[in-house]
Amino acid sequence: MTELSMNEIDAQIADLQRQRDMKSLEGSKAVASALRNGKVASLAEDLESLIKDLSPQSMAYQQAKNVISVITNTRNLIDGDVTRIQAIVDAQPEAA
């Protein structure tokens, strides 16, 4: 058995990660869709409209802001990951 160089090992890892990402594209798209269209679709916006009547020092305000932040940031992260994976898929040569 030939010993692999560090560069060869890194290339294999990169290829496996690319394959893993490509396999997760549809699931990632489903999560992105659920965050935009599912039960949480309007939760951040609903909470934004409710917190205007709360003191910024109140527990309810702080926790609502946390939920808004998590929902918004998660949507952005998932959307970015879908875009990244879609670019990998789009760069693949067409199957014969």
PDB file of N, CA and C in Angstrom:
ATOM      1  N   MET A   1       0.841  -1.172   0.000  1.00  0.00           N
ATOM      2  CA  MET A   1       0.000   0.000   0.000  1.00  0.00           C
ATOM      3  C   MET A   1       0.888   1.238   0.000  1.00  0.00           C
ATOM      4  N   THR A   2       0.592   2.141  -0.883  1.00  0.00           N
ATOM      5  CA  THR A   2       1.354   3.368  -0.987  1.00  0.00           C
ATOM      6  C   THR A   2       0.845   4.365   0.034  1.00  0.00           C
ATOM      7  N   GLU A   3       1.778   4.989   0.717  1.00  0.00           N
ATOM      8  CA  GLU A   3       1.389   5.994   1.699  1.00  0.00           C
ATOM      9  C   GLU A   3       0.990   7.277   0.978  1.00  0.00           C
ATOM     10  N   LEU A   4      -0.152   7.819   1.369  1.00  0.00           N
ATOM     11  CA  LEU A   4      -0.653   9.035   0.740  1.00  0.00           C
ATOM     12  C   LEU A   4       0.038  10.263   1.326  1.00  0.00           C
ATOM     13  N   SER A   5       0.240  11.257   0.474  1.00  0.00           N
ATOM     14  CA  SER A   5       0.791  12.523   0.952  1.00  0.00           C
ATOM     15  C   SER A   5      -0.318  13.301   1.651  1.00  0.00           C
ATOM     16  N   MET A   6       0.076  14.304   2.397  1.00  0.00           N
ATOM     17  CA  MET A   6      -0.902  15.145   3.082  1.00  0.00           C
ATOM     18  C   MET A   6      -1.814  15.829   2.057  1.00  0.00           C
ATOM     19  N   ASN A   7      -1.259  16.264   0.942  1.00  0.00           N
ATOM     20  CA  ASN A   7      -2.075  16.900  -0.099  1.00  0.00           C
ATOM     21  C   ASN A   7      -3.090  15.932  -0.685  1.00  0.00           C
ATOM     22  N   GLU A   8      -2.706  14.689  -0.867  1.00  0.00           N
ATOM     23  CA  GLU A   8      -3.635  13.684  -1.393  1.00  0.00           C
ATOM     24  C   GLU A   8      -4.754  13.401  -0.391  1.00  0.00           C
ATOM     25  N   ILE A   9      -4.406  13.338   0.876  1.00  0.00           N
ATOM     26  CA  ILE A   9      -5.416  13.122   1.917  1.00  0.00           C
ATOM     27  C   ILE A   9      -6.376  14.315   1.962  1.00  0.00           C
ATOM     28  N   ASP A  10      -5.819  15.530   1.912  1.00  0.00           N
ATOM     29  CA  ASP A  10      -6.667  16.730   1.912  1.00  0.00           C
ATOM     30  C   ASP A  10      -7.596  16.748   0.702  1.00  0.00           C
ATOM     31  N   ALA A  11      -7.107  16.313  -0.446  1.00  0.00           N
ATOM     32  CA  ALA A  11      -7.927  16.273  -1.658  1.00  0.00           C
ATOM     33  C   ALA A  11      -9.066  15.261  -1.499  1.00  0.00           C
ATOM     34  N   GLN A  12      -8.775  14.118  -0.890  1.00  0.00           N
ATOM     35  CA  GLN A  12      -9.812  13.116  -0.658  1.00  0.00           C
ATOM     36  C   GLN A  12     -10.871  13.655   0.307  1.00  0.00           C
ATOM     37  N   ILE A  13     -10.418  14.332   1.353  1.00  0.00           N
ATOM     38  CA  ILE A  13     -11.357  14.909   2.323  1.00  0.00           C
ATOM     39  C   ILE A  13     -12.230  15.953   1.635  1.00  0.00           C
ATOM     40  N   ALA A  14     -11.631  16.809   0.825  1.00  0.00           N
ATOM     41  CA  ALA A  14     -12.392  17.837   0.109  1.00  0.00           C
ATOM     42  C   ALA A  14     -13.420  17.210  -0.820  1.00  0.00           C
ATOM     43  N   ASP A  15     -13.036  16.124  -1.495  1.00  0.00           N
ATOM     44  CA  ASP A  15     -13.976  15.445  -2.391  1.00  0.00           C
ATOM     45  C   ASP A  15     -15.129  14.829  -1.606  1.00  0.00           C
ATOM     46  N   LEU A  16     -14.834  14.213  -0.475  1.00  0.00           N
ATOM     47  CA  LEU A  16     -15.897  13.631   0.352  1.00  0.00           C
ATOM     48  C   LEU A  16     -16.827  14.716   0.897  1.00  0.00           C
ATOM     49  N   GLN A  17     -16.266  15.842   1.307  1.00  0.00           N
ATOM     50  CA  GLN A  17     -17.099  16.942   1.790  1.00  0.00           C
ATOM     51  C   GLN A  17     -17.989  17.474   0.669  1.00  0.00           C
ATOM     52  N   ARG A  18     -17.453  17.578  -0.534  1.00  0.00           N
ATOM     53  CA  ARG A  18     -18.235  18.033  -1.694  1.00  0.00           C
ATOM     54  C   ARG A  18     -19.377  17.058  -1.955  1.00  0.00           C
ATOM     55  N   GLN A  19     -19.080  15.767  -1.922  1.00  0.00           N
ATOM     56  CA  GLN A  19     -20.122  14.757  -2.138  1.00  0.00           C
ATOM     57  C   GLN A  19     -21.197  14.839  -1.057  1.00  0.00           C
ATOM     58  N   ARG A  20     -20.750  15.015   0.190  1.00  0.00           N
ATOM     59  CA  ARG A  20     -21.700  15.125   1.303  1.00  0.00           C
ATOM     60  C   ARG A  20     -22.596  16.340   1.113  1.00  0.00           C
ATOM     61  N   ASP A  21     -21.996  17.460   0.752  1.00  0.00           N
ATOM     62  CA  ASP A  21     -22.771  18.680   0.524  1.00  0.00           C
ATOM     63  C   ASP A  21     -23.795  18.478  -0.583  1.00  0.00           C
ATOM     64  N   MET A  22     -23.380  17.863  -1.677  1.00  0.00           N
ATOM     65  CA  MET A  22     -24.294  17.655  -2.804  1.00  0.00           C
ATOM     66  C   MET A  22     -25.471  16.775  -2.397  1.00  0.00           C
ATOM     67  N   LYS A  23     -25.203  15.770  -1.575  1.00  0.00           N
ATOM     68  CA  LYS A  23     -26.280  14.885  -1.109  1.00  0.00           C
ATOM     69  C   LYS A  23     -27.253  15.610  -0.187  1.00  0.00           C
ATOM     70  N   SER A  24     -26.794  16.696   0.449  1.00  0.00           N
ATOM     71  CA  SER A  24     -27.651  17.394   1.402  1.00  0.00           C
ATOM     72  C   SER A  24     -28.401  18.567   0.779  1.00  0.00           C
ATOM     73  N   LEU A  25     -28.227  18.822  -0.507  1.00  0.00           N
ATOM     74  CA  LEU A  25     -28.834  19.998  -1.127  1.00  0.00           C
ATOM     75  C   LEU A  25     -30.353  20.008  -0.982  1.00  0.00           C
ATOM     76  N   GLU A  26     -31.012  18.933  -1.322  1.00  0.00           N
ATOM     77  CA  GLU A  26     -32.479  18.917  -1.262  1.00  0.00           C
ATOM     78  C   GLU A  26     -32.981  19.099   0.165  1.00  0.00           C
ATOM     79  N   GLY A  27     -32.315  18.463   1.119  1.00  0.00           N
ATOM     80  CA  GLY A  27     -32.698  18.634   2.520  1.00  0.00           C
ATOM     81  C   GLY A  27     -32.488  20.065   2.988  1.00  0.00           C
ATOM     82  N   SER A  28     -31.385  20.667   2.566  1.00  0.00           N
ATOM     83  CA  SER A  28     -31.108  22.059   2.922  1.00  0.00           C
ATOM     84  C   SER A  28     -32.154  22.988   2.318  1.00  0.00           C
ATOM     85  N   LYS A  29     -32.548  22.717   1.081  1.00  0.00           N
ATOM     86  CA  LYS A  29     -33.596  23.518   0.449  1.00  0.00           C
ATOM     87  C   LYS A  29     -34.917  23.365   1.210  1.00  0.00           C
ATOM     88  N   ALA A  30     -35.204  22.168   1.690  1.00  0.00           N
ATOM     89  CA  ALA A  30     -36.439  21.930   2.439  1.00  0.00           C
ATOM     90  C   ALA A  30     -36.434  22.703   3.758  1.00  0.00           C
ATOM     91  N   VAL A  31     -35.286  22.726   4.428  1.00  0.00           N
ATOM     92  CA  VAL A  31     -35.186  23.482   5.677  1.00  0.00           C
ATOM     93  C   VAL A  31     -35.375  24.972   5.395  1.00  0.00           C
ATOM     94  N   ALA A  32     -34.723  25.475   4.347  1.00  0.00           N
ATOM     95  CA  ALA A  32     -34.866  26.887   3.977  1.00  0.00           C
ATOM     96  C   ALA A  32     -36.335  27.218   3.696  1.00  0.00           C
ATOM     97  N   SER A  33     -37.008  26.337   3.004  1.00  0.00           N
ATOM     98  CA  SER A  33     -38.422  26.547   2.689  1.00  0.00           C
ATOM     99  C   SER A  33     -39.276  26.541   3.956  1.00  0.00           C
ATOM    100  N   ALA A  34     -38.988  25.620   4.857  1.00  0.00           N
ATOM    101  CA  ALA A  34     -39.762  25.550   6.102  1.00  0.00           C
ATOM    102  C   ALA A  34     -39.592  26.821   6.924  1.00  0.00           C
ATOM    103  N   LEU A  35     -38.382  27.385   6.913  1.00  0.00           N
ATOM    104  CA  LEU A  35     -38.141  28.615   7.667  1.00  0.00           C
ATOM    105  C   LEU A  35     -38.838  29.818   7.040  1.00  0.00           C
ATOM    106  N   ARG A  36     -39.122  29.740   5.757  1.00  0.00           N
ATOM    107  CA  ARG A  36     -39.777  30.855   5.068  1.00  0.00           C
ATOM    108  C   ARG A  36     -41.284  30.650   4.923  1.00  0.00           C
ATOM    109  N   ASN A  37     -41.731  29.399   4.934  1.00  0.00           N
ATOM    110  CA  ASN A  37     -43.135  29.119   4.634  1.00  0.00           C
ATOM    111  C   ASN A  37     -43.851  28.299   5.697  1.00  0.00           C
ATOM    112  N   GLY A  38     -43.134  27.751   6.613  1.00  0.00           N
ATOM    113  CA  GLY A  38     -43.742  26.876   7.605  1.00  0.00           C
ATOM    114  C   GLY A  38     -44.291  27.631   8.803  1.00  0.00           C
ATOM    115  N   LYS A  39     -44.362  26.942   9.891  1.00  0.00           N
ATOM    116  CA  LYS A  39     -44.943  27.494  11.113  1.00  0.00           C
ATOM    117  C   LYS A  39     -44.171  28.701  11.647  1.00  0.00           C
ATOM    118  N   VAL A  40     -42.888  28.759  11.352  1.00  0.00           N
ATOM    119  CA  VAL A  40     -42.079  29.878  11.859  1.00  0.00           C
ATOM    120  C   VAL A  40     -41.953  31.021  10.856  1.00  0.00           C
ATOM    121  N   ALA A  41     -42.606  30.891   9.718  1.00  0.00           N
ATOM    122  CA  ALA A  41     -42.435  31.857   8.623  1.00  0.00           C
ATOM    123  C   ALA A  41     -42.608  33.301   9.066  1.00  0.00           C
ATOM    124  N   SER A  42     -43.611  33.572   9.863  1.00  0.00           N
ATOM    125  CA  SER A  42     -43.879  34.953  10.254  1.00  0.00           C
ATOM    126  C   SER A  42     -43.587  35.217  11.724  1.00  0.00           C
ATOM    127  N   LEU A  43     -43.024  34.244  12.425  1.00  0.00           N
ATOM    128  CA  LEU A  43     -42.809  34.409  13.865  1.00  0.00           C
ATOM    129  C   LEU A  43     -41.910  35.599  14.180  1.00  0.00           C
ATOM    130  N   ALA A  44     -40.795  35.745  13.465  1.00  0.00           N
ATOM    131  CA  ALA A  44     -39.898  36.869  13.739  1.00  0.00           C
ATOM    132  C   ALA A  44     -40.622  38.193  13.536  1.00  0.00           C
ATOM    133  N   GLU A  45     -41.374  38.305  12.460  1.00  0.00           N
ATOM    134  CA  GLU A  45     -42.110  39.537  12.180  1.00  0.00           C
ATOM    135  C   GLU A  45     -43.201  39.772  13.224  1.00  0.00           C
ATOM    136  N   ASP A  46     -43.884  38.703  13.615  1.00  0.00           N
ATOM    137  CA  ASP A  46     -44.923  38.831  14.645  1.00  0.00           C
ATOM    138  C   ASP A  46     -44.320  39.330  15.959  1.00  0.00           C
ATOM    139  N   LEU A  47     -43.191  38.762  16.343  1.00  0.00           N
ATOM    140  CA  LEU A  47     -42.540  39.181  17.585  1.00  0.00           C
ATOM    141  C   LEU A  47     -42.051  40.624  17.493  1.00  0.00           C
ATOM    142  N   GLU A  48     -41.524  41.001  16.336  1.00  0.00           N
ATOM    143  CA  GLU A  48     -41.074  42.389  16.146  1.00  0.00           C
ATOM    144  C   GLU A  48     -42.212  43.368  16.422  1.00  0.00           C
ATOM    145  N   SER A  49     -43.406  43.031  15.946  1.00  0.00           N
ATOM    146  CA  SER A  49     -44.534  43.943  16.146  1.00  0.00           C
ATOM    147  C   SER A  49     -44.993  43.960  17.601  1.00  0.00           C
ATOM    148  N   LEU A  50     -44.740  42.890  18.330  1.00  0.00           N
ATOM    149  CA  LEU A  50     -45.182  42.813  19.726  1.00  0.00           C
ATOM    150  C   LEU A  50     -44.216  43.483  20.698  1.00  0.00           C
ATOM    151  N   ILE A  51     -42.930  43.467  20.400  1.00  0.00           N
ATOM    152  CA  ILE A  51     -41.965  43.962  21.382  1.00  0.00           C
ATOM    153  C   ILE A  51     -41.946  45.485  21.515  1.00  0.00           C
ATOM    154  N   LYS A  52     -42.585  46.162  20.587  1.00  0.00           N
ATOM    155  CA  LYS A  52     -42.585  47.640  20.668  1.00  0.00           C
ATOM    156  C   LYS A  52     -43.252  48.135  21.948  1.00  0.00           C
ATOM    157  N   ASP A  53     -44.098  47.306  22.530  1.00  0.00           N
ATOM    158  CA  ASP A  53     -44.799  47.697  23.756  1.00  0.00           C
ATOM    159  C   ASP A  53     -44.114  47.178  25.021  1.00  0.00           C
ATOM    160  N   LEU A  54     -42.927  46.592  24.864  1.00  0.00           N
ATOM    161  CA  LEU A  54     -42.204  46.036  26.014  1.00  0.00           C
ATOM    162  C   LEU A  54     -41.002  46.892  26.370  1.00  0.00           C
ATOM    163  N   SER A  55     -40.647  46.847  27.616  1.00  0.00           N
ATOM    164  CA  SER A  55     -39.413  47.494  28.054  1.00  0.00           C
ATOM    165  C   SER A  55     -38.237  46.651  27.567  1.00  0.00           C
ATOM    166  N   PRO A  56     -37.208  47.285  27.006  1.00  0.00           N
ATOM    167  CA  PRO A  56     -36.029  46.531  26.574  1.00  0.00           C
ATOM    168  C   PRO A  56     -35.344  45.768  27.715  1.00  0.00           C
ATOM    169  N   GLN A  57     -35.634  46.136  28.954  1.00  0.00           N
ATOM    170  CA  GLN A  57     -35.058  45.425  30.095  1.00  0.00           C
ATOM    171  C   GLN A  57     -35.893  44.220  30.528  1.00  0.00           C
ATOM    172  N   SER A  58     -37.064  44.057  29.948  1.00  0.00           N
ATOM    173  CA  SER A  58     -37.931  42.947  30.369  1.00  0.00           C
ATOM    174  C   SER A  58     -37.445  41.620  29.786  1.00  0.00           C
ATOM    175  N   MET A  59     -37.732  40.568  30.505  1.00  0.00           N
ATOM    176  CA  MET A  59     -37.380  39.212  30.059  1.00  0.00           C
ATOM    177  C   MET A  59     -38.057  38.892  28.729  1.00  0.00           C
ATOM    178  N   ALA A  60     -39.334  39.256  28.606  1.00  0.00           N
ATOM    179  CA  ALA A  60     -40.070  38.966  27.374  1.00  0.00           C
ATOM    180  C   ALA A  60     -39.415  39.642  26.175  1.00  0.00           C
ATOM    181  N   TYR A  61     -39.013  40.895  26.337  1.00  0.00           N
ATOM    182  CA  TYR A  61     -38.359  41.628  25.247  1.00  0.00           C
ATOM    183  C   TYR A  61     -37.046  40.936  24.866  1.00  0.00           C
ATOM    184  N   GLN A  62     -36.241  40.648  25.858  1.00  0.00           N
ATOM    185  CA  GLN A  62     -34.931  40.057  25.598  1.00  0.00           C
ATOM    186  C   GLN A  62     -35.052  38.693  24.920  1.00  0.00           C
ATOM    187  N   GLN A  63     -35.969  37.886  25.385  1.00  0.00           N
ATOM    188  CA  GLN A  63     -36.132  36.551  24.796  1.00  0.00           C
ATOM    189  C   GLN A  63     -36.739  36.640  23.397  1.00  0.00           C
ATOM    190  N   ALA A  64     -37.674  37.555  23.201  1.00  0.00           N
ATOM    191  CA  ALA A  64     -38.237  37.740  21.860  1.00  0.00           C
ATOM    192  C   ALA A  64     -37.143  38.179  20.892  1.00  0.00           C
ATOM    193  N   LYS A  65     -36.274  39.094  21.328  1.00  0.00           N
ATOM    194  CA  LYS A  65     -35.157  39.530  20.481  1.00  0.00           C
ATOM    195  C   LYS A  65     -34.225  38.357  20.168  1.00  0.00           C
ATOM    196  N   ASN A  66     -34.012  37.486  21.145  1.00  0.00           N
ATOM    197  CA  ASN A  66     -33.180  36.299  20.911  1.00  0.00           C
ATOM    198  C   ASN A  66     -33.810  35.397  19.851  1.00  0.00           C
ATOM    199  N   VAL A  67     -35.103  35.167  19.968  1.00  0.00           N
ATOM    200  CA  VAL A  67     -35.802  34.316  18.999  1.00  0.00           C
ATOM    201  C   VAL A  67     -35.747  34.947  17.607  1.00  0.00           C
ATOM    202  N   ILE A  68     -35.980  36.234  17.523  1.00  0.00           N
ATOM    203  CA  ILE A  68     -35.915  36.945  16.241  1.00  0.00           C
ATOM    204  C   ILE A  68     -34.534  36.778  15.625  1.00  0.00           C
ATOM    205  N   SER A  69     -33.516  36.963  16.446  1.00  0.00           N
ATOM    206  CA  SER A  69     -32.139  36.847  15.968  1.00  0.00           C
ATOM    207  C   SER A  69     -31.831  35.438  15.470  1.00  0.00           C
ATOM    208  N   VAL A  70     -32.240  34.443  16.235  1.00  0.00           N
ATOM    209  CA  VAL A  70     -31.976  33.054  15.839  1.00  0.00           C
ATOM    210  C   VAL A  70     -32.686  32.726  14.527  1.00  0.00           C
ATOM    211  N   ILE A  71     -33.946  33.086  14.417  1.00  0.00           N
ATOM    212  CA  ILE A  71     -34.698  32.794  13.191  1.00  0.00           C
ATOM    213  C   ILE A  71     -34.064  33.495  11.996  1.00  0.00           C
ATOM    214  N   THR A  72     -33.792  34.771  12.142  1.00  0.00           N
ATOM    215  CA  THR A  72     -33.233  35.547  11.035  1.00  0.00           C
ATOM    216  C   THR A  72     -31.855  35.035  10.637  1.00  0.00           C
ATOM    217  N   ASN A  73     -30.996  34.829  11.624  1.00  0.00           N
ATOM    218  CA  ASN A  73     -29.645  34.356  11.316  1.00  0.00           C
ATOM    219  C   ASN A  73     -29.652  32.946  10.740  1.00  0.00           C
ATOM    220  N   THR A  74     -30.535  32.090  11.242  1.00  0.00           N
ATOM    221  CA  THR A  74     -30.621  30.733  10.706  1.00  0.00           C
ATOM    222  C   THR A  74     -31.082  30.764   9.259  1.00  0.00           C
ATOM    223  N   ARG A  75     -32.083  31.563   8.959  1.00  0.00           N
ATOM    224  CA  ARG A  75     -32.524  31.694   7.560  1.00  0.00           C
ATOM    225  C   ARG A  75     -31.366  32.119   6.670  1.00  0.00           C
ATOM    226  N   ASN A  76     -30.642  33.139   7.106  1.00  0.00           N
ATOM    227  CA  ASN A  76     -29.525  33.646   6.299  1.00  0.00           C
ATOM    228  C   ASN A  76     -28.426  32.603   6.124  1.00  0.00           C
ATOM    229  N   LEU A  77     -28.100  31.886   7.188  1.00  0.00           N
ATOM    230  CA  LEU A  77     -27.064  30.849   7.102  1.00  0.00           C
ATOM    231  C   LEU A  77     -27.485  29.720   6.165  1.00  0.00           C
ATOM    232  N   ILE A  78     -28.718  29.255   6.308  1.00  0.00           N
ATOM    233  CA  ILE A  78     -29.211  28.166   5.460  1.00  0.00           C
ATOM    234  C   ILE A  78     -29.282  28.619   4.005  1.00  0.00           C
ATOM    235  N   ASP A  79     -29.798  29.828   3.763  1.00  0.00           N
ATOM    236  CA  ASP A  79     -29.854  30.341   2.390  1.00  0.00           C
ATOM    237  C   ASP A  79     -28.458  30.415   1.778  1.00  0.00           C
ATOM    238  N   GLY A  80     -27.491  30.879   2.554  1.00  0.00           N
ATOM    239  CA  GLY A  80     -26.115  30.946   2.067  1.00  0.00           C
ATOM    240  C   GLY A  80     -25.546  29.572   1.764  1.00  0.00           C
ATOM    241  N   ASP A  81     -25.866  28.599   2.610  1.00  0.00           N
ATOM    242  CA  ASP A  81     -25.372  27.248   2.389  1.00  0.00           C
ATOM    243  C   ASP A  81     -26.018  26.630   1.153  1.00  0.00           C
ATOM    244  N   VAL A  82     -27.307  26.863   0.959  1.00  0.00           N
ATOM    245  CA  VAL A  82     -27.983  26.367  -0.241  1.00  0.00           C
ATOM    246  C   VAL A  82     -27.325  26.963  -1.483  1.00  0.00           C
ATOM    247  N   THR A  83     -27.045  28.248  -1.459  1.00  0.00           N
ATOM    248  CA  THR A  83     -26.392  28.905  -2.593  1.00  0.00           C
ATOM    249  C   THR A  83     -25.021  28.298  -2.854  1.00  0.00           C
ATOM    250  N   ARG A  84     -24.261  28.070  -1.778  1.00  0.00           N
ATOM    251  CA  ARG A  84     -22.920  27.476  -1.909  1.00  0.00           C
ATOM    252  C   ARG A  84     -22.995  26.074  -2.514  1.00  0.00           C
ATOM    253  N   ILE A  85     -23.904  25.247  -2.000  1.00  0.00           N
ATOM    254  CA  ILE A  85     -24.024  23.875  -2.489  1.00  0.00           C
ATOM    255  C   ILE A  85     -24.549  23.860  -3.921  1.00  0.00           C
ATOM    256  N   GLN A  86     -25.507  24.727  -4.218  1.00  0.00           N
ATOM    257  CA  GLN A  86     -26.044  24.789  -5.582  1.00  0.00           C
ATOM    258  C   GLN A  86     -24.930  25.131  -6.569  1.00  0.00           C
ATOM    259  N   ALA A  87     -24.021  25.996  -6.183  1.00  0.00           N
ATOM    260  CA  ALA A  87     -22.887  26.340  -7.060  1.00  0.00           C
ATOM    261  C   ALA A  87     -21.998  25.121  -7.302  1.00  0.00           C
ATOM    262  N   ILE A  88     -21.816  24.289  -6.295  1.00  0.00           N
ATOM    263  CA  ILE A  88     -21.037  23.053  -6.454  1.00  0.00           C
ATOM    264  C   ILE A  88     -21.743  22.132  -7.442  1.00  0.00           C
ATOM    265  N   VAL A  89     -23.042  21.961  -7.246  1.00  0.00           N
ATOM    266  CA  VAL A  89     -23.828  21.094  -8.129  1.00  0.00           C
ATOM    267  C   VAL A  89     -23.810  21.624  -9.555  1.00  0.00           C
ATOM    268  N   ASP A  90     -23.996  22.930  -9.703  1.00  0.00           N
ATOM    269  CA  ASP A  90     -24.021  23.536 -11.036  1.00  0.00           C
ATOM    270  C   ASP A  90     -22.686  23.401 -11.762  1.00  0.00           C
ATOM    271  N   ALA A  91     -21.605  23.310 -11.012  1.00  0.00           N
ATOM    272  CA  ALA A  91     -20.265  23.201 -11.612  1.00  0.00           C
ATOM    273  C   ALA A  91     -19.930  21.784 -12.046  1.00  0.00           C
ATOM    274  N   GLN A  92     -20.780  20.822 -11.692  1.00  0.00           N
ATOM    275  CA  GLN A  92     -20.513  19.438 -12.070  1.00  0.00           C
ATOM    276  C   GLN A  92     -20.742  19.235 -13.564  1.00  0.00           C
ATOM    277  N   PRO A  93     -19.869  18.435 -14.177  1.00  0.00           N
ATOM    278  CA  PRO A  93     -20.090  18.144 -15.611  1.00  0.00           C
ATOM    279  C   PRO A  93     -21.392  17.375 -15.805  1.00  0.00           C
ATOM    280  N   GLU A  94     -22.021  17.629 -16.928  1.00  0.00           N
ATOM    281  CA  GLU A  94     -23.272  16.922 -17.258  1.00  0.00           C
ATOM    282  C   GLU A  94     -22.999  15.428 -17.410  1.00  0.00           C
ATOM    283  N   ALA A  95     -23.896  14.615 -16.888  1.00  0.00           N
ATOM    284  CA  ALA A  95     -23.771  13.166 -17.053  1.00  0.00           C
ATOM    285  C   ALA A  95     -24.106  12.796 -18.492  1.00  0.00           C
ATOM    286  N   ALA A  96     -23.387  11.854 -19.011  1.00  0.00           N
ATOM    287  CA  ALA A  96     -23.594  11.452 -20.411  1.00  0.00           C
ATOM    288  C   ALA A  96     -24.866  10.685 -20.607  1.00  0.00           C
TER     289      ALA A  96
END
